[in-house]
């Protein structure tokens, strides 16, 4: 099975706010981190090593550099809302080799799974 890339978009207002959602956050005195995206995705395993949070004007160009098929580039460019300031890319190795069925979360719109250009 070729490596794939799950693509999400959202509006957070800042890179820091986006990362508070996509990265584990340790609270003072807490033994377990809070990890909002992990709580919102229907998966049993998720490695933070294979999640990228892309914020800003160059996000779509970066996404296109990661896609293996030119046809996916155009369809995603058309599908991602102009007001989305953040892309979240989750690479298939994040799921420890397991096939997953993802969907939108309260903060992110899911655009699908695409062949990843390594």
N, C-alpha and C. Protein backbone atom coordinates (compact mmCIF):
# COMPACT_ATOMS: atom_id res chain seq x y z
N UNK A 1 0.85 -1.16 0.00
CA UNK A 1 0.00 0.00 0.00
C UNK A 1 0.91 1.24 0.00
N UNK A 2 0.77 2.13 -1.01
CA UNK A 2 1.62 3.32 -1.04
C UNK A 2 1.29 4.26 0.11
N UNK A 3 2.27 5.03 0.55
CA UNK A 3 2.01 5.98 1.63
C UNK A 3 1.01 7.03 1.18
N UNK A 4 0.17 7.42 2.11
CA UNK A 4 -0.86 8.41 1.79
C UNK A 4 -0.81 9.58 2.76
N UNK A 5 -1.56 10.60 2.38
CA UNK A 5 -1.61 11.85 3.12
C UNK A 5 -3.07 12.22 3.31
N UNK A 6 -3.47 12.41 4.56
CA UNK A 6 -4.83 12.86 4.88
C UNK A 6 -4.78 14.37 5.02
N UNK A 7 -5.68 15.06 4.33
CA UNK A 7 -5.64 16.53 4.26
C UNK A 7 -6.85 17.12 4.96
N UNK A 8 -6.59 18.07 5.86
CA UNK A 8 -7.62 18.81 6.58
C UNK A 8 -7.34 20.31 6.41
N UNK A 9 -8.38 21.12 6.48
CA UNK A 9 -8.20 22.57 6.50
C UNK A 9 -9.06 23.17 7.59
N UNK A 10 -8.65 24.36 8.06
CA UNK A 10 -9.42 25.04 9.10
C UNK A 10 -9.00 26.48 9.22
N UNK A 11 -9.71 27.19 10.07
CA UNK A 11 -9.41 28.60 10.32
C UNK A 11 -9.15 28.76 11.82
N UNK A 12 -7.93 29.16 12.15
CA UNK A 12 -7.53 29.30 13.55
C UNK A 12 -7.12 30.71 13.93
N UNK A 13 -6.72 31.52 12.98
CA UNK A 13 -6.31 32.89 13.27
C UNK A 13 -4.83 33.07 13.53
N UNK A 14 -4.18 32.02 14.03
CA UNK A 14 -2.73 32.09 14.27
C UNK A 14 -2.16 30.68 14.26
N UNK A 15 -0.86 30.61 13.99
CA UNK A 15 -0.18 29.33 14.00
C UNK A 15 -0.19 28.72 15.40
N UNK A 16 -0.07 29.56 16.42
CA UNK A 16 -0.07 29.08 17.80
C UNK A 16 -1.40 28.42 18.15
N UNK A 17 -2.49 29.05 17.74
CA UNK A 17 -3.81 28.48 18.03
C UNK A 17 -4.00 27.16 17.28
N UNK A 18 -3.54 27.10 16.06
CA UNK A 18 -3.64 25.85 15.29
C UNK A 18 -2.85 24.74 15.97
N UNK A 19 -1.66 25.04 16.41
CA UNK A 19 -0.82 24.03 17.07
C UNK A 19 -1.39 23.60 18.42
N UNK A 20 -2.09 24.50 19.10
CA UNK A 20 -2.75 24.09 20.35
C UNK A 20 -3.78 22.99 20.08
N UNK A 21 -4.33 22.97 18.89
CA UNK A 21 -5.30 21.94 18.52
C UNK A 21 -4.62 20.67 18.01
N UNK A 22 -3.54 20.82 17.24
CA UNK A 22 -2.96 19.66 16.58
C UNK A 22 -1.81 19.00 17.33
N UNK A 23 -1.26 19.65 18.33
CA UNK A 23 -0.13 19.09 19.07
C UNK A 23 -0.52 18.85 20.53
N UNK A 24 0.13 17.87 21.13
CA UNK A 24 -0.12 17.54 22.53
C UNK A 24 0.28 18.72 23.41
N UNK A 25 -0.56 19.05 24.37
CA UNK A 25 -0.33 20.17 25.28
C UNK A 25 -0.25 19.63 26.71
N UNK A 26 0.86 19.92 27.36
CA UNK A 26 1.04 19.50 28.74
C UNK A 26 0.63 20.62 29.68
N UNK A 27 -0.24 20.32 30.59
CA UNK A 27 -0.68 21.28 31.60
C UNK A 27 0.18 21.10 32.85
N UNK A 28 0.43 22.17 33.57
CA UNK A 28 1.22 22.08 34.79
C UNK A 28 0.60 21.07 35.75
N UNK A 29 1.43 20.15 36.21
CA UNK A 29 0.97 19.15 37.17
C UNK A 29 0.24 17.97 36.55
N UNK A 30 0.04 17.98 35.25
CA UNK A 30 -0.69 16.89 34.59
C UNK A 30 0.26 15.79 34.14
N UNK A 31 -0.16 14.55 34.34
CA UNK A 31 0.64 13.42 33.88
C UNK A 31 0.32 13.05 32.44
N UNK A 32 -0.83 13.47 31.95
CA UNK A 32 -1.24 13.18 30.58
C UNK A 32 -1.48 14.48 29.82
N UNK A 33 -1.04 14.52 28.56
CA UNK A 33 -1.29 15.74 27.79
C UNK A 33 -2.74 15.79 27.29
N UNK A 34 -3.19 16.98 26.99
CA UNK A 34 -4.44 17.12 26.26
C UNK A 34 -4.04 17.26 24.79
N UNK A 35 -4.78 16.61 23.94
CA UNK A 35 -4.45 16.60 22.52
C UNK A 35 -5.76 16.60 21.77
N UNK A 36 -6.25 17.79 21.46
CA UNK A 36 -7.59 17.95 20.92
C UNK A 36 -7.83 17.17 19.63
N UNK A 37 -6.90 17.25 18.67
CA UNK A 37 -7.14 16.54 17.42
C UNK A 37 -7.23 15.03 17.67
N UNK A 38 -6.43 14.55 18.60
CA UNK A 38 -6.44 13.11 18.92
C UNK A 38 -7.78 12.73 19.53
N UNK A 39 -8.35 13.59 20.34
CA UNK A 39 -9.65 13.32 20.95
C UNK A 39 -10.76 13.34 19.90
N UNK A 40 -10.60 14.16 18.85
CA UNK A 40 -11.65 14.33 17.85
C UNK A 40 -11.60 13.34 16.69
N UNK A 41 -10.48 12.65 16.51
CA UNK A 41 -10.38 11.68 15.42
C UNK A 41 -10.73 10.27 15.90
N UNK A 42 -11.47 9.51 15.10
CA UNK A 42 -11.89 8.17 15.50
C UNK A 42 -10.81 7.12 15.23
N UNK A 43 -9.68 7.23 15.92
CA UNK A 43 -8.58 6.29 15.72
C UNK A 43 -8.10 5.78 17.07
N UNK A 44 -7.51 4.59 17.06
CA UNK A 44 -6.98 4.03 18.30
C UNK A 44 -5.52 4.40 18.53
N UNK A 45 -4.82 4.74 17.44
CA UNK A 45 -3.42 5.12 17.56
C UNK A 45 -3.15 6.28 16.62
N UNK A 46 -2.37 7.27 17.10
CA UNK A 46 -1.99 8.41 16.28
C UNK A 46 -0.63 8.90 16.75
N UNK A 47 0.37 8.85 15.87
CA UNK A 47 1.71 9.32 16.20
C UNK A 47 1.85 10.79 15.84
N UNK A 48 2.27 11.63 16.78
CA UNK A 48 2.46 13.04 16.48
C UNK A 48 3.62 13.30 15.52
N UNK A 49 4.47 12.30 15.31
CA UNK A 49 5.63 12.46 14.43
C UNK A 49 5.24 12.61 12.96
N UNK A 50 4.02 12.28 12.62
CA UNK A 50 3.59 12.30 11.22
C UNK A 50 2.43 13.27 11.00
N UNK A 51 2.39 14.34 11.77
CA UNK A 51 1.38 15.37 11.61
C UNK A 51 2.09 16.70 11.35
N UNK A 52 1.65 17.39 10.31
CA UNK A 52 2.20 18.71 10.02
C UNK A 52 1.09 19.74 10.06
N UNK A 53 1.35 20.83 10.73
CA UNK A 53 0.42 21.95 10.80
C UNK A 53 1.03 23.08 9.99
N UNK A 54 0.36 23.43 8.88
CA UNK A 54 0.88 24.42 7.95
C UNK A 54 -0.02 25.65 8.01
N UNK A 55 0.55 26.78 8.38
CA UNK A 55 -0.21 28.01 8.53
C UNK A 55 0.36 29.08 7.59
N UNK A 56 -0.50 29.88 7.00
CA UNK A 56 -0.04 31.03 6.24
C UNK A 56 -0.23 30.92 4.75
N UNK A 57 0.30 31.90 4.05
CA UNK A 57 0.07 32.05 2.62
C UNK A 57 0.66 30.95 1.76
N UNK A 58 1.71 30.32 2.19
CA UNK A 58 2.39 29.30 1.38
C UNK A 58 1.85 27.89 1.60
N UNK A 59 0.79 27.76 2.38
CA UNK A 59 0.31 26.43 2.77
C UNK A 59 -0.11 25.57 1.58
N UNK A 60 -0.78 26.16 0.59
CA UNK A 60 -1.25 25.38 -0.55
C UNK A 60 -0.08 24.95 -1.43
N UNK A 61 0.90 25.81 -1.59
CA UNK A 61 2.10 25.44 -2.36
C UNK A 61 2.81 24.28 -1.69
N UNK A 62 2.91 24.33 -0.36
CA UNK A 62 3.55 23.23 0.35
C UNK A 62 2.76 21.94 0.18
N UNK A 63 1.45 22.02 0.32
CA UNK A 63 0.60 20.83 0.14
C UNK A 63 0.84 20.22 -1.23
N UNK A 64 0.84 21.04 -2.27
CA UNK A 64 1.02 20.53 -3.62
C UNK A 64 2.37 19.85 -3.79
N UNK A 65 3.40 20.30 -3.07
CA UNK A 65 4.72 19.66 -3.15
C UNK A 65 4.72 18.27 -2.52
N UNK A 66 3.71 17.98 -1.72
CA UNK A 66 3.63 16.69 -1.03
C UNK A 66 2.74 15.68 -1.76
N UNK A 67 2.01 16.11 -2.77
CA UNK A 67 1.07 15.24 -3.48
C UNK A 67 1.72 14.59 -4.69
N UNK A 68 1.47 13.31 -4.89
CA UNK A 68 2.07 12.56 -5.98
C UNK A 68 1.37 12.80 -7.32
N UNK A 69 0.09 13.09 -7.30
CA UNK A 69 -0.67 13.21 -8.55
C UNK A 69 -1.05 14.67 -8.82
N UNK A 70 -0.78 15.11 -10.04
CA UNK A 70 -1.14 16.48 -10.43
C UNK A 70 -2.64 16.71 -10.37
N UNK A 71 -3.44 15.70 -10.67
CA UNK A 71 -4.89 15.86 -10.65
C UNK A 71 -5.40 16.17 -9.23
N UNK A 72 -4.73 15.63 -8.22
CA UNK A 72 -5.12 15.91 -6.84
C UNK A 72 -4.84 17.37 -6.46
N UNK A 73 -3.80 17.93 -7.02
CA UNK A 73 -3.44 19.32 -6.70
C UNK A 73 -4.55 20.28 -7.07
N UNK A 74 -5.07 20.14 -8.29
CA UNK A 74 -6.14 21.03 -8.74
C UNK A 74 -7.42 20.85 -7.97
N UNK A 75 -7.79 19.60 -7.72
CA UNK A 75 -9.05 19.35 -7.02
C UNK A 75 -8.99 19.85 -5.58
N UNK A 76 -7.86 19.70 -4.91
CA UNK A 76 -7.73 20.20 -3.54
C UNK A 76 -7.69 21.73 -3.51
N UNK A 77 -7.00 22.33 -4.45
CA UNK A 77 -6.95 23.80 -4.50
C UNK A 77 -8.37 24.36 -4.62
N UNK A 78 -9.21 23.71 -5.41
CA UNK A 78 -10.59 24.16 -5.58
C UNK A 78 -11.45 23.86 -4.36
N UNK A 79 -11.13 22.80 -3.63
CA UNK A 79 -11.95 22.35 -2.52
C UNK A 79 -11.66 23.07 -1.20
N UNK A 80 -10.45 23.56 -1.03
CA UNK A 80 -10.07 24.21 0.22
C UNK A 80 -10.59 25.65 0.21
N UNK A 81 -11.34 25.99 1.21
CA UNK A 81 -11.95 27.32 1.32
C UNK A 81 -10.90 28.42 1.38
N UNK A 82 -11.22 29.55 0.75
CA UNK A 82 -10.31 30.69 0.75
C UNK A 82 -10.07 31.25 2.15
N UNK A 83 -11.03 31.06 3.06
CA UNK A 83 -10.83 31.61 4.41
C UNK A 83 -10.08 30.66 5.34
N UNK A 84 -9.73 29.46 4.86
CA UNK A 84 -8.93 28.54 5.67
C UNK A 84 -7.50 29.07 5.75
N UNK A 85 -6.99 29.25 6.96
CA UNK A 85 -5.62 29.74 7.11
C UNK A 85 -4.64 28.65 7.52
N UNK A 86 -5.15 27.41 7.70
CA UNK A 86 -4.33 26.32 8.19
C UNK A 86 -4.65 25.04 7.44
N UNK A 87 -3.60 24.29 7.12
CA UNK A 87 -3.74 22.92 6.62
C UNK A 87 -3.10 22.00 7.64
N UNK A 88 -3.75 20.87 7.86
CA UNK A 88 -3.19 19.84 8.73
C UNK A 88 -3.03 18.60 7.86
N UNK A 89 -1.80 18.11 7.77
CA UNK A 89 -1.48 16.96 6.96
C UNK A 89 -1.09 15.82 7.89
N UNK A 90 -1.78 14.70 7.76
CA UNK A 90 -1.46 13.52 8.56
C UNK A 90 -1.03 12.42 7.61
N UNK A 91 0.22 11.97 7.74
CA UNK A 91 0.76 10.94 6.89
C UNK A 91 0.32 9.57 7.40
N UNK A 92 0.11 8.65 6.49
CA UNK A 92 -0.40 7.33 6.85
C UNK A 92 0.44 6.61 7.91
N UNK A 93 1.77 6.78 7.99
CA UNK A 93 2.51 6.12 9.07
C UNK A 93 2.05 6.55 10.48
N UNK A 94 1.32 7.64 10.59
CA UNK A 94 0.82 8.08 11.89
C UNK A 94 -0.14 7.09 12.52
N UNK A 95 -0.68 6.18 11.71
CA UNK A 95 -1.68 5.23 12.19
C UNK A 95 -1.10 3.83 12.39
N UNK A 96 0.22 3.72 12.43
CA UNK A 96 0.90 2.47 12.72
C UNK A 96 0.49 1.35 11.77
N UNK A 97 0.35 1.67 10.48
CA UNK A 97 0.05 0.67 9.47
C UNK A 97 -1.40 0.26 9.38
N UNK A 98 -2.25 0.84 10.18
CA UNK A 98 -3.67 0.46 10.16
C UNK A 98 -4.43 1.37 9.19
N UNK A 99 -5.40 0.80 8.50
CA UNK A 99 -6.28 1.56 7.61
C UNK A 99 -7.29 2.30 8.47
N UNK A 100 -7.50 3.58 8.18
CA UNK A 100 -8.40 4.40 8.98
C UNK A 100 -9.44 5.05 8.07
N UNK A 101 -10.57 5.41 8.66
CA UNK A 101 -11.61 6.17 7.98
C UNK A 101 -11.79 7.45 8.77
N UNK A 102 -11.30 8.54 8.21
CA UNK A 102 -11.34 9.81 8.91
C UNK A 102 -12.49 10.67 8.41
N UNK A 103 -12.82 11.66 9.19
CA UNK A 103 -13.88 12.61 8.82
C UNK A 103 -13.54 13.96 9.43
N UNK A 104 -14.34 14.95 9.11
CA UNK A 104 -14.12 16.29 9.67
C UNK A 104 -14.24 16.26 11.18
N UNK A 105 -13.57 17.22 11.83
CA UNK A 105 -13.65 17.37 13.27
C UNK A 105 -14.37 18.69 13.54
N UNK A 106 -14.64 19.01 14.80
CA UNK A 106 -15.27 20.31 15.08
C UNK A 106 -14.44 21.51 14.60
N UNK A 107 -13.13 21.35 14.45
CA UNK A 107 -12.26 22.46 14.05
C UNK A 107 -11.70 22.35 12.64
N UNK A 108 -11.76 21.16 12.04
CA UNK A 108 -11.13 20.93 10.74
C UNK A 108 -12.08 20.27 9.75
N UNK A 109 -11.98 20.69 8.50
CA UNK A 109 -12.73 20.05 7.42
C UNK A 109 -11.82 19.02 6.77
N UNK A 110 -12.31 17.79 6.62
CA UNK A 110 -11.54 16.71 6.03
C UNK A 110 -11.74 16.72 4.52
N UNK A 111 -10.62 16.68 3.79
CA UNK A 111 -10.66 16.71 2.32
C UNK A 111 -10.36 15.37 1.69
N UNK A 112 -9.93 14.40 2.46
CA UNK A 112 -9.70 13.07 1.92
C UNK A 112 -8.27 12.59 2.05
N UNK A 113 -8.06 11.41 1.47
CA UNK A 113 -6.76 10.74 1.52
C UNK A 113 -6.17 10.73 0.11
N UNK A 114 -4.90 11.10 0.00
CA UNK A 114 -4.25 11.25 -1.28
C UNK A 114 -2.89 10.54 -1.27
N UNK A 115 -2.40 10.16 -2.44
CA UNK A 115 -1.09 9.53 -2.54
C UNK A 115 -0.02 10.57 -2.19
N UNK A 116 0.84 10.18 -1.27
CA UNK A 116 1.88 11.07 -0.76
C UNK A 116 3.15 10.90 -1.57
N UNK A 117 3.72 11.99 -1.99
CA UNK A 117 5.00 11.97 -2.73
C UNK A 117 6.12 12.07 -1.69
N UNK A 118 6.82 10.99 -1.51
CA UNK A 118 7.92 11.00 -0.53
C UNK A 118 9.13 11.73 -1.03
